[in-house]
N, C-alpha and C. Protein backbone atom coordinates (compact mmCIF):
# COMPACT_ATOMS: atom_id res chain seq x y z
N MET A 1 88.73 91.48 119.19
CA MET A 1 90.14 91.87 118.33
C MET A 1 89.94 91.47 116.47
N SER A 2 90.03 92.65 115.71
CA SER A 2 89.61 92.86 114.29
C SER A 2 90.95 92.23 114.06
N ALA A 3 90.68 91.29 113.00
CA ALA A 3 91.96 90.68 111.90
C ALA A 3 92.96 91.71 111.55
N LEU A 4 92.13 92.67 111.37
CA LEU A 4 92.95 93.85 110.78
C LEU A 4 94.20 94.58 111.69
N ASP A 5 93.50 94.08 112.70
CA ASP A 5 94.69 94.69 114.02
C ASP A 5 96.25 94.26 113.49
N GLY A 6 97.00 95.39 113.92
CA GLY A 6 98.35 94.94 113.41
C GLY A 6 99.06 95.03 112.32
N TRP A 7 98.01 95.69 111.29
CA TRP A 7 98.68 96.32 109.59
C TRP A 7 98.37 97.78 109.52
N GLY A 8 98.46 98.38 110.85
CA GLY A 8 98.33 99.66 110.71
C GLY A 8 99.16 100.91 110.39
N ASN A 9 100.85 99.82 111.50
CA ASN A 9 101.81 101.09 110.54
C ASN A 9 102.27 100.18 109.08
N PHE A 10 101.82 99.21 108.85
CA PHE A 10 102.09 98.85 107.32
C PHE A 10 101.93 99.90 106.25
N TYR A 11 99.87 99.74 106.35
CA TYR A 11 98.83 101.16 105.73
C TYR A 11 99.69 102.62 105.99
N VAL A 12 100.20 102.88 107.13
CA VAL A 12 100.34 104.01 107.51
C VAL A 12 101.95 104.41 106.39
N ILE A 13 102.56 103.60 105.70
CA ILE A 13 104.01 103.51 105.67
C ILE A 13 103.94 103.88 104.14
N VAL A 14 102.64 102.81 103.52
CA VAL A 14 102.54 102.43 102.27
C VAL A 14 101.41 103.49 101.82
N GLY A 15 100.57 103.42 102.37
CA GLY A 15 99.46 105.14 101.82
C GLY A 15 100.21 106.34 102.22
N SER A 16 100.98 106.72 102.93
CA SER A 16 102.13 107.72 102.89
C SER A 16 102.76 107.96 101.89
N SER A 17 103.89 106.63 100.99
CA SER A 17 104.38 106.67 100.08
C SER A 17 103.56 107.12 98.95
N ALA A 18 102.33 106.36 98.56
CA ALA A 18 101.34 106.29 97.22
C ALA A 18 100.82 107.69 97.32
N GLY A 19 100.68 108.61 98.64
CA GLY A 19 100.05 109.76 98.60
C GLY A 19 101.11 110.80 98.50
N ALA A 20 102.20 110.56 98.47
CA ALA A 20 103.63 111.23 98.16
C ALA A 20 103.94 111.23 96.59
N LEU A 21 104.12 110.09 95.88
CA LEU A 21 103.84 109.68 94.48
C LEU A 21 103.08 110.29 93.99
N ILE A 22 102.14 110.66 94.21
CA ILE A 22 100.93 110.93 93.35
C ILE A 22 101.19 112.43 93.47
N GLY A 23 101.78 113.38 94.53
CA GLY A 23 101.69 114.88 94.12
C GLY A 23 102.97 114.95 93.35
N LEU A 24 104.29 113.86 93.58
CA LEU A 24 105.33 113.94 92.78
C LEU A 24 104.63 113.85 91.29
N GLN A 25 103.91 113.23 90.64
CA GLN A 25 103.13 113.03 89.47
C GLN A 25 102.78 113.89 88.90
N PHE A 26 102.26 114.83 90.10
CA PHE A 26 101.44 116.37 89.40
C PHE A 26 102.68 117.50 89.41
N VAL A 27 103.94 117.27 90.13
CA VAL A 27 105.09 118.19 90.04
C VAL A 27 105.54 117.86 88.38
N VAL A 28 105.77 116.53 88.04
CA VAL A 28 106.65 116.05 87.02
C VAL A 28 105.49 116.34 85.67
N MET A 29 104.44 116.35 85.49
CA MET A 29 103.28 116.73 84.94
C MET A 29 103.68 118.27 84.27
N THR A 30 103.36 118.92 85.69
CA THR A 30 103.96 120.66 85.29
C THR A 30 105.46 120.85 84.87
N LEU A 31 106.12 120.27 84.87
CA LEU A 31 107.51 120.27 84.38
C LEU A 31 107.76 119.99 82.95
N LEU A 32 107.02 119.30 82.80
CA LEU A 32 106.89 118.96 81.27
C LEU A 32 106.14 119.47 80.58
N ALA A 33 105.21 120.34 80.83
CA ALA A 33 103.90 120.98 80.21
C ALA A 33 104.55 122.10 79.08
N ASP A 34 106.06 122.28 79.31
CA ASP A 34 106.41 122.99 78.42
C ASP A 34 107.13 122.61 77.05
N MET A 35 106.87 121.21 77.27
CA MET A 35 107.44 120.89 76.46
C MET A 35 106.71 120.58 75.04
N PRO A 36 106.76 120.53 74.01
CA PRO A 36 106.00 120.83 72.66
C PRO A 36 105.60 119.38 72.34
N LEU A 37 103.89 119.22 72.12
CA LEU A 37 103.06 117.87 72.60
C LEU A 37 102.42 118.13 71.26
N ALA A 38 102.30 116.80 70.37
CA ALA A 38 101.25 116.31 69.16
C ALA A 38 99.61 116.24 69.84
N PRO A 39 99.00 116.13 68.62
CA PRO A 39 97.75 115.93 69.33
C PRO A 39 97.26 114.24 69.45
N LYS A 40 98.17 113.51 69.30
CA LYS A 40 98.33 112.08 69.18
C LYS A 40 98.87 111.98 70.56
N ASP A 41 99.73 112.62 71.51
CA ASP A 41 100.39 112.42 72.64
C ASP A 41 99.15 112.21 73.93
N ALA A 42 98.02 112.76 73.55
CA ALA A 42 97.19 112.68 74.42
C ALA A 42 96.82 111.62 75.11
N GLN A 43 96.68 110.37 73.66
CA GLN A 43 96.20 109.23 73.73
C GLN A 43 97.66 107.99 74.36
N ALA A 44 98.64 108.69 74.06
CA ALA A 44 100.10 107.80 74.88
C ALA A 44 100.03 108.26 76.33
N GLY A 45 99.42 109.53 76.68
CA GLY A 45 99.44 110.11 78.02
C GLY A 45 98.28 108.84 79.21
N GLU A 46 97.09 109.25 78.58
CA GLU A 46 96.12 108.35 78.77
C GLU A 46 96.71 106.69 79.19
N ALA A 47 97.19 106.41 78.04
CA ALA A 47 97.80 104.76 77.88
C ALA A 47 99.09 104.69 79.20
N PHE A 48 99.97 105.69 79.34
CA PHE A 48 101.43 105.27 80.05
C PHE A 48 101.43 106.19 81.47
N GLY A 49 100.61 107.33 81.12
CA GLY A 49 100.81 108.25 82.37
C GLY A 49 99.70 107.83 83.44
N THR A 50 98.76 108.32 83.04
CA THR A 50 97.28 107.77 83.97
C THR A 50 97.26 106.86 84.74
N PRO A 51 97.49 105.38 84.29
CA PRO A 51 97.47 104.74 85.10
C PRO A 51 98.46 104.69 85.98
N ASN A 52 99.23 105.48 86.46
CA ASN A 52 100.13 105.29 87.29
C ASN A 52 99.54 106.29 88.71
N VAL A 53 98.97 107.29 88.19
CA VAL A 53 98.01 108.00 88.99
C VAL A 53 97.06 106.83 89.55
N VAL A 54 96.43 106.53 89.04
CA VAL A 54 95.39 104.85 89.37
C VAL A 54 95.83 104.31 90.15
N HIS A 55 97.47 103.17 90.16
CA HIS A 55 97.63 102.62 91.17
C HIS A 55 98.09 103.50 92.18
N PHE A 56 98.75 104.35 91.93
CA PHE A 56 98.70 104.77 93.57
C PHE A 56 97.85 105.53 94.58
N GLY A 57 96.52 105.64 93.44
CA GLY A 57 95.26 106.03 93.84
C GLY A 57 94.78 105.00 94.80
N VAL A 58 94.77 103.77 94.08
CA VAL A 58 94.54 102.55 94.79
C VAL A 58 94.76 102.42 95.91
N VAL A 59 96.14 102.14 96.13
CA VAL A 59 96.72 101.91 97.12
C VAL A 59 96.33 102.66 97.93
N LEU A 60 96.66 104.34 97.86
CA LEU A 60 96.20 105.29 98.91
C LEU A 60 94.93 105.08 99.45
N LEU A 61 93.69 104.72 99.08
CA LEU A 61 92.57 104.48 98.87
C LEU A 61 92.34 103.17 100.01
N LEU A 62 92.83 101.88 99.47
CA LEU A 62 93.85 100.80 100.53
C LEU A 62 93.95 100.94 101.31
N SER A 63 94.97 101.76 101.60
CA SER A 63 95.49 101.82 103.34
C SER A 63 94.57 102.86 103.99
N ALA A 64 93.90 103.72 103.20
CA ALA A 64 93.00 105.13 104.26
C ALA A 64 91.59 103.55 104.83
N VAL A 65 91.27 102.91 104.19
CA VAL A 65 90.06 102.04 103.94
C VAL A 65 90.36 101.04 105.31
N LEU A 66 91.69 99.99 104.84
CA LEU A 66 92.43 99.13 105.81
C LEU A 66 92.34 99.88 107.08
N SER A 67 92.76 101.09 107.33
CA SER A 67 93.28 101.43 108.45
C SER A 67 91.91 102.05 109.39
N ALA A 68 90.83 102.00 108.88
CA ALA A 68 89.87 102.41 110.03
C ALA A 68 89.38 101.32 110.86
N PRO A 69 88.95 101.62 111.83
CA PRO A 69 88.48 100.76 112.80
C PRO A 69 87.09 99.93 112.39
N TRP A 70 87.20 98.99 111.86
CA TRP A 70 86.48 97.94 111.44
C TRP A 70 86.30 97.02 112.71
N HIS A 71 85.09 96.72 113.09
CA HIS A 71 84.60 95.73 113.73
C HIS A 71 84.49 94.42 113.62
N GLY A 72 84.79 93.75 111.99
CA GLY A 72 85.13 93.07 111.46
C GLY A 72 85.72 93.34 110.11
N ILE A 73 86.38 92.19 109.33
CA ILE A 73 86.27 91.79 108.15
C ILE A 73 85.77 92.07 107.10
N THR A 74 84.50 91.73 107.13
CA THR A 74 83.46 91.49 105.96
C THR A 74 83.43 92.88 105.36
N ILE A 75 82.86 94.12 105.96
CA ILE A 75 82.73 95.01 104.77
C ILE A 75 84.27 95.92 104.16
N ALA A 76 85.32 95.74 104.78
CA ALA A 76 86.65 95.73 104.10
C ALA A 76 86.76 94.95 103.09
N ALA A 77 86.24 92.99 103.47
CA ALA A 77 86.80 92.62 102.10
C ALA A 77 85.86 92.85 100.99
N VAL A 78 84.51 93.51 101.10
CA VAL A 78 83.40 93.82 100.17
C VAL A 78 84.15 95.00 99.67
N PHE A 79 84.86 96.05 99.90
CA PHE A 79 84.94 96.75 99.32
C PHE A 79 86.61 96.87 98.36
N TRP A 80 87.47 96.09 99.07
CA TRP A 80 88.48 95.88 98.57
C TRP A 80 88.30 94.87 97.13
N GLY A 81 87.59 93.78 97.31
CA GLY A 81 87.00 93.09 96.26
C GLY A 81 86.65 94.08 94.67
N MET A 82 85.43 94.66 95.38
CA MET A 82 85.06 95.44 93.99
C MET A 82 86.08 96.45 93.50
N LEU A 83 87.05 97.08 94.44
CA LEU A 83 88.60 97.72 93.90
C LEU A 83 88.84 96.70 92.84
N GLY A 84 89.39 95.53 93.32
CA GLY A 84 89.94 94.55 92.35
C GLY A 84 89.14 94.31 91.51
N ALA A 85 87.95 94.19 91.58
CA ALA A 85 87.51 93.91 90.29
C ALA A 85 87.41 95.02 89.18
N GLY A 86 87.24 96.20 89.56
CA GLY A 86 87.13 97.31 89.08
C GLY A 86 88.52 97.48 88.18
N GLY A 87 89.59 96.75 89.08
CA GLY A 87 90.99 97.47 88.56
C GLY A 87 91.24 96.44 87.29
N VAL A 88 90.80 94.78 87.42
CA VAL A 88 90.44 93.90 86.60
C VAL A 88 90.30 94.60 84.94
N VAL A 89 88.73 95.63 85.06
CA VAL A 89 88.58 95.93 83.76
C VAL A 89 89.39 97.06 83.11
N TYR A 90 89.88 97.74 84.54
CA TYR A 90 90.72 99.26 84.40
C TYR A 90 91.85 98.49 83.23
N ALA A 91 92.52 97.63 83.71
CA ALA A 91 94.06 96.81 82.83
C ALA A 91 93.22 96.87 81.48
N ALA A 92 92.28 96.30 81.38
CA ALA A 92 91.83 95.67 80.18
C ALA A 92 91.87 96.96 79.28
N VAL A 93 91.09 97.95 79.85
CA VAL A 93 91.00 99.12 78.93
C VAL A 93 92.25 100.38 78.82
N VAL A 94 93.22 100.03 79.98
CA VAL A 94 94.70 100.59 79.46
C VAL A 94 95.12 99.48 78.68
N ALA A 95 95.33 97.98 78.31
CA ALA A 95 95.91 97.52 76.81
C ALA A 95 95.21 97.96 75.82
N ARG A 96 93.81 98.40 75.66
CA ARG A 96 93.08 98.82 74.65
C ARG A 96 93.88 100.22 73.62
N ARG A 97 93.97 100.79 74.98
CA ARG A 97 94.83 102.44 74.61
C ARG A 97 96.25 102.25 74.84
N MET A 98 96.52 101.49 74.75
CA MET A 98 98.20 100.82 74.46
C MET A 98 98.05 100.83 72.75
N ARG A 99 96.83 99.37 72.52
CA ARG A 99 97.34 98.95 71.31
C ARG A 99 96.96 100.72 69.96
N LYS A 100 95.99 101.70 70.71
CA LYS A 100 95.44 102.28 69.82
C LYS A 100 96.44 103.53 69.82
N GLN A 101 97.39 103.85 71.19
CA GLN A 101 98.08 105.19 70.54
C GLN A 101 99.12 104.55 69.51
N THR A 102 99.54 105.61 68.71
CA THR A 102 100.69 105.60 67.86
C THR A 102 102.09 106.23 68.39
N THR A 103 102.37 106.84 69.07
CA THR A 103 102.95 107.48 69.64
C THR A 103 104.54 106.92 70.01
N TYR A 104 103.98 106.09 70.61
CA TYR A 104 105.09 105.50 71.25
C TYR A 104 105.03 103.65 70.77
N GLN A 105 106.00 103.03 70.78
CA GLN A 105 105.63 101.57 70.39
C GLN A 105 105.81 101.03 71.45
N ALA A 106 105.21 100.22 71.90
CA ALA A 106 104.88 99.50 73.17
C ALA A 106 106.01 98.01 73.18
N VAL A 107 106.98 97.77 74.05
CA VAL A 107 107.68 96.46 74.02
C VAL A 107 107.40 95.81 74.88
N LEU A 108 107.81 94.41 75.18
CA LEU A 108 107.35 93.35 76.06
C LEU A 108 107.36 93.70 77.42
N GLU A 109 108.34 94.73 77.69
CA GLU A 109 108.73 95.43 79.43
C GLU A 109 107.57 96.00 79.72
N ASP A 110 107.16 96.64 78.70
CA ASP A 110 105.84 97.69 78.91
C ASP A 110 104.59 97.52 79.07
N TRP A 111 104.61 96.21 78.04
CA TRP A 111 103.29 95.40 78.22
C TRP A 111 103.09 94.80 79.65
N ALA A 112 103.92 94.09 80.03
CA ALA A 112 104.52 93.42 81.57
C ALA A 112 104.53 94.11 82.75
N PHE A 113 104.62 95.36 82.28
CA PHE A 113 104.47 96.63 83.91
C PHE A 113 103.03 97.57 83.57
N HIS A 114 102.71 97.62 82.39
CA HIS A 114 101.61 98.53 82.44
C HIS A 114 100.36 97.75 82.42
N VAL A 115 100.30 96.22 81.89
CA VAL A 115 99.31 95.46 81.59
C VAL A 115 99.30 93.97 82.73
N VAL A 116 100.16 92.88 82.27
CA VAL A 116 100.34 92.14 82.64
C VAL A 116 99.96 92.06 84.55
N LEU A 117 101.02 92.87 84.66
CA LEU A 117 101.30 92.73 86.34
C LEU A 117 99.98 93.31 87.29
N PRO A 118 99.86 94.38 86.52
CA PRO A 118 98.50 95.18 86.94
C PRO A 118 97.29 94.44 87.43
N LEU A 119 97.19 93.54 86.16
CA LEU A 119 95.94 92.58 85.91
C LEU A 119 96.23 91.50 86.99
N ILE A 120 97.28 90.78 87.06
CA ILE A 120 97.25 90.16 87.96
C ILE A 120 97.35 90.74 89.56
N ALA A 121 97.49 91.31 89.66
CA ALA A 121 97.59 92.44 91.16
C ALA A 121 95.68 92.50 91.47
N TYR A 122 95.45 93.39 90.29
CA TYR A 122 93.79 93.68 90.65
C TYR A 122 93.27 92.21 90.59
N ALA A 123 93.41 90.93 90.10
CA ALA A 123 93.11 89.74 90.04
C ALA A 123 92.87 89.46 91.50
N VAL A 124 94.40 89.07 92.36
CA VAL A 124 94.65 88.49 93.35
C VAL A 124 93.69 89.21 94.43
N LEU A 125 93.89 90.50 94.40
CA LEU A 125 92.92 91.63 94.92
C LEU A 125 91.02 91.20 95.14
N ALA A 126 90.91 91.02 94.33
CA ALA A 126 89.31 90.62 93.59
C ALA A 126 89.24 88.86 94.63
N ALA A 127 90.31 88.36 94.30
CA ALA A 127 90.14 87.03 94.70
C ALA A 127 90.38 86.32 96.46
N SER A 128 91.20 87.27 96.58
CA SER A 128 91.25 87.71 98.03
C SER A 128 89.83 87.93 99.15
N ALA A 129 88.91 88.49 98.59
CA ALA A 129 87.88 88.92 99.13
C ALA A 129 87.01 88.00 99.61
N PHE A 130 87.18 86.83 98.42
CA PHE A 130 86.51 85.81 98.56
C PHE A 130 86.75 84.94 99.52
N ILE A 131 88.14 84.65 100.02
CA ILE A 131 88.09 83.77 101.11
C ILE A 131 88.72 84.70 102.51
N ALA A 132 88.67 86.08 102.15
CA ALA A 132 88.59 86.75 103.46
C ALA A 132 87.64 86.50 104.96
N TYR A 133 86.73 85.96 104.62
CA TYR A 133 86.07 85.12 105.62
C TYR A 133 86.40 83.94 106.46
N LEU A 134 86.61 83.14 105.88
CA LEU A 134 87.33 81.90 106.48
C LEU A 134 88.24 81.81 106.55
N HIS A 135 89.67 83.16 105.84
CA HIS A 135 90.89 82.76 106.10
C HIS A 135 91.49 84.45 106.23
N ALA A 136 91.42 84.94 107.02
CA ALA A 136 91.64 86.41 107.01
C ALA A 136 92.71 86.73 106.87
N ARG A 137 93.86 85.72 107.46
CA ARG A 137 95.19 86.31 107.40
C ARG A 137 95.91 85.81 106.46
N PRO A 138 95.69 84.48 105.49
CA PRO A 138 96.19 84.80 104.28
C PRO A 138 95.68 85.94 103.05
N ALA A 139 94.54 86.12 103.54
CA ALA A 139 94.07 87.37 102.85
C ALA A 139 94.20 88.83 102.58
N LEU A 140 94.65 89.05 104.09
CA LEU A 140 95.58 90.44 104.10
C LEU A 140 96.89 90.15 103.85
N PHE A 141 97.24 89.50 103.97
CA PHE A 141 99.13 89.22 103.63
C PHE A 141 99.02 89.13 101.72
N ALA A 142 97.57 88.60 101.43
CA ALA A 142 97.75 88.95 99.97
C ALA A 142 97.28 90.44 99.34
N VAL A 143 96.42 91.04 100.19
CA VAL A 143 95.90 92.41 99.60
C VAL A 143 97.41 93.32 100.28
N GLY A 144 98.13 93.05 101.31
CA GLY A 144 99.36 93.92 101.53
C GLY A 144 100.25 93.67 100.27
N ALA A 145 100.47 92.27 99.81
CA ALA A 145 101.18 92.06 98.62
C ALA A 145 100.47 92.96 97.55
N VAL A 146 99.87 92.68 97.18
CA VAL A 146 99.08 93.87 96.23
C VAL A 146 99.66 95.07 96.30
N ALA A 147 99.22 95.45 97.58
CA ALA A 147 99.40 97.10 97.45
C ALA A 147 100.88 97.42 97.50
N LEU A 148 102.02 96.60 97.71
CA LEU A 148 103.09 96.68 97.54
C LEU A 148 103.43 96.57 96.32
N LEU A 149 102.85 95.52 95.63
CA LEU A 149 103.48 95.76 94.10
C LEU A 149 102.75 96.48 93.32
N LEU A 150 101.63 97.05 93.60
CA LEU A 150 100.90 98.19 92.58
C LEU A 150 102.13 99.69 92.59
N LEU A 151 102.49 99.53 93.81
CA LEU A 151 103.02 100.54 94.10
C LEU A 151 104.36 100.90 93.41
N PHE A 152 105.08 99.43 93.44
CA PHE A 152 106.61 99.59 92.63
C PHE A 152 105.88 99.62 91.38
N ILE A 153 104.99 99.10 90.66
CA ILE A 153 104.55 99.26 89.36
C ILE A 153 104.74 100.45 88.74
N GLY A 154 104.07 101.30 89.92
CA GLY A 154 103.68 102.75 89.63
C GLY A 154 105.02 103.82 89.77
N ILE A 155 106.00 102.85 90.82
CA ILE A 155 107.49 103.75 90.43
C ILE A 155 108.25 103.41 89.16
N HIS A 156 107.82 102.23 88.60
CA HIS A 156 108.84 101.58 87.57
C HIS A 156 108.42 102.54 86.61
N ASN A 157 106.79 102.54 86.26
CA ASN A 157 106.08 103.23 85.37
C ASN A 157 106.94 104.62 85.26
N ALA A 158 106.36 105.43 86.03
CA ALA A 158 106.86 106.53 85.90
C ALA A 158 108.15 106.99 86.09
N TRP A 159 109.28 105.94 86.02
CA TRP A 159 110.36 106.21 85.63
C TRP A 159 110.54 106.31 84.53
N ASP A 160 110.09 105.69 84.22
CA ASP A 160 110.22 105.24 82.43
C ASP A 160 109.67 106.20 81.67
N THR A 161 108.44 106.91 82.22
CA THR A 161 107.97 108.08 81.30
C THR A 161 108.82 109.61 81.85
N VAL A 162 109.33 109.42 82.81
CA VAL A 162 110.26 110.41 82.42
C VAL A 162 111.41 110.77 81.90
N THR A 163 112.31 109.00 82.16
CA THR A 163 113.46 109.25 81.12
C THR A 163 113.30 108.86 79.59
N TYR A 164 112.06 108.84 79.28
CA TYR A 164 111.85 108.89 78.03
C TYR A 164 111.70 109.98 77.47
N HIS A 165 110.75 111.27 78.13
CA HIS A 165 110.85 112.74 77.93
C HIS A 165 112.03 113.05 77.59
N VAL A 166 112.93 112.71 79.15
CA VAL A 166 114.34 113.56 79.28
C VAL A 166 115.35 113.18 77.73
N PHE A 167 115.30 111.92 77.93
CA PHE A 167 116.41 111.01 77.09
C PHE A 167 116.01 110.92 75.18
N VAL A 168 114.48 110.93 75.27
CA VAL A 168 114.26 111.02 74.04
C VAL A 168 113.15 112.09 73.19
N ARG A 169 112.32 112.41 73.91
CA ARG A 169 111.72 113.51 73.27
C ARG A 169 112.37 114.92 73.41
N LYS A 170 112.93 115.35 74.37
CA LYS A 170 113.85 116.64 74.63
C LYS A 170 114.88 116.74 73.34
N ARG A 171 115.15 115.19 72.63
CA ARG A 171 116.43 115.37 72.41
C ARG A 171 115.92 115.39 70.70
N ARG A 172 115.00 115.44 70.36
CA ARG A 172 114.76 114.84 69.47
C ARG A 172 114.40 116.59 68.37
N PRO A 173 114.22 117.48 69.08
CA PRO A 173 114.13 118.86 68.57
C PRO A 173 115.83 119.06 68.59
N ARG A 174 116.62 118.86 69.41
CA ARG A 174 118.14 119.29 69.34
C ARG A 174 118.66 119.00 67.79
N ASP A 175 118.25 117.67 67.92
CA ASP A 175 118.79 117.13 66.71
C ASP A 175 117.96 117.48 65.47
N SER A 176 116.79 117.84 65.51
CA SER A 176 116.38 118.09 64.36
C SER A 176 116.99 119.48 64.03
N GLU A 177 117.72 120.62 65.02
CA GLU A 177 118.22 121.35 65.14
C GLU A 177 119.38 121.68 64.43
N ARG A 178 120.26 120.56 64.51
CA ARG A 178 121.40 120.53 63.97
C ARG A 178 121.40 119.87 62.63
N HIS A 179 119.90 119.17 62.65
CA HIS A 179 120.14 118.55 61.24
C HIS A 179 120.06 119.79 60.01
N HIS A 180 119.08 120.47 60.56
CA HIS A 180 118.91 121.80 60.06
C HIS A 180 119.92 122.67 59.60
N GLU A 181 120.74 123.17 61.10
CA GLU A 181 121.86 124.04 60.37
C GLU A 181 122.96 123.09 59.79
N ALA A 182 123.11 121.72 59.77
CA ALA A 182 124.02 121.53 59.03
C ALA A 182 123.81 121.42 57.27
N GLY A 183 122.33 121.00 57.07
CA GLY A 183 121.93 121.46 55.97
C GLY A 183 122.15 123.10 55.45
N ARG A 184 121.78 123.57 56.10
CA ARG A 184 121.94 124.99 55.63
C ARG A 184 123.50 125.31 55.82
N THR A 185 124.44 124.93 56.37
CA THR A 185 125.56 125.31 56.34
C THR A 185 126.25 124.34 54.90
N SER A 186 125.68 123.27 54.70
CA SER A 186 126.10 122.63 53.71
C SER A 186 125.22 123.49 52.11
N ALA A 187 124.73 123.94 52.04
CA ALA A 187 123.70 124.99 51.05
C ALA A 187 124.82 126.32 50.94
N LEU A 188 125.04 126.59 52.16
CA LEU A 188 125.98 127.47 51.72
C LEU A 188 127.50 127.26 51.29
N ASN A 189 128.33 126.60 51.91
CA ASN A 189 129.13 125.91 51.19
C ASN A 189 129.38 125.40 49.69
N ASN A 190 128.18 124.87 49.53
CA ASN A 190 127.74 124.90 48.14
C ASN A 190 127.73 125.97 47.31
N ARG A 191 127.24 126.80 47.83
CA ARG A 191 126.95 128.27 47.25
C ARG A 191 128.21 128.95 46.76
N SER A 192 128.91 128.59 47.83
CA SER A 192 130.47 129.16 47.99
C SER A 192 131.12 129.06 46.90
N ALA A 193 131.13 127.41 47.22
CA ALA A 193 132.05 126.58 45.98
C ALA A 193 131.77 126.72 44.58
N ALA A 194 130.23 127.07 44.25
CA ALA A 194 129.79 127.39 42.99
C ALA A 194 130.07 128.72 42.58
N SER A 195 130.12 129.87 43.24
CA SER A 195 130.56 130.94 43.21
C SER A 195 131.60 131.18 42.73
N GLY A 196 133.02 130.03 43.59
CA GLY A 196 134.24 130.71 43.26
C GLY A 196 134.26 129.93 41.89
N ARG A 197 133.78 129.17 41.18
CA ARG A 197 133.67 128.21 40.32
C ARG A 197 133.73 129.08 39.12
N THR A 198 132.37 129.95 39.53
CA THR A 198 131.74 131.13 37.98
C THR A 198 132.99 131.98 38.14
N THR A 199 133.42 132.69 39.12
CA THR A 199 134.69 133.61 39.05
C THR A 199 135.81 132.96 38.23
N ASP A 200 136.08 132.22 38.68
CA ASP A 200 137.68 131.15 38.16
C ASP A 200 137.06 131.05 36.32
N THR A 201 136.08 131.11 36.03
CA THR A 201 136.02 131.17 34.58
C THR A 201 135.72 132.18 34.20
């Protein structure tokens, strides 16, 4: 009997959720494609958008691997350890991209959910691989907790991205149009007033 027995239903739920959320990310990007974008917005997308798909992809991949009929835990542990080590490196890359981009000024919450929490999750994932052979049950619970954490991190960040585009980015052109219209109306009023004074004289 493998230590992975009994985790099948858990990873079916988590993996299917991650797969569905990846699909929704593509739908959202399609809907946002009509919005005007500046060249520097691509850097912001790499810092705030791409990591969400990566996190969901990691959860989906973990779910697929840990649902496979392994005879033991060793091969699976090596795999998720390598995945965790790669995630730690990727978290550092995301931090560098966040500092480099100039479209949006990241706040404490952004650093927590885009860098700190993913870094912790991937570090735990890598560390759990080292104890999996001797302490399989705690290691598997750690991997399950990481999968859930990455899933909720991705959900939080994706929601933040959508609300930013809806309530901030889409409002800017409208505000600009209002200011332009108000300026034009003011100029016409001033011109009319000046014309009236000229007529009176």
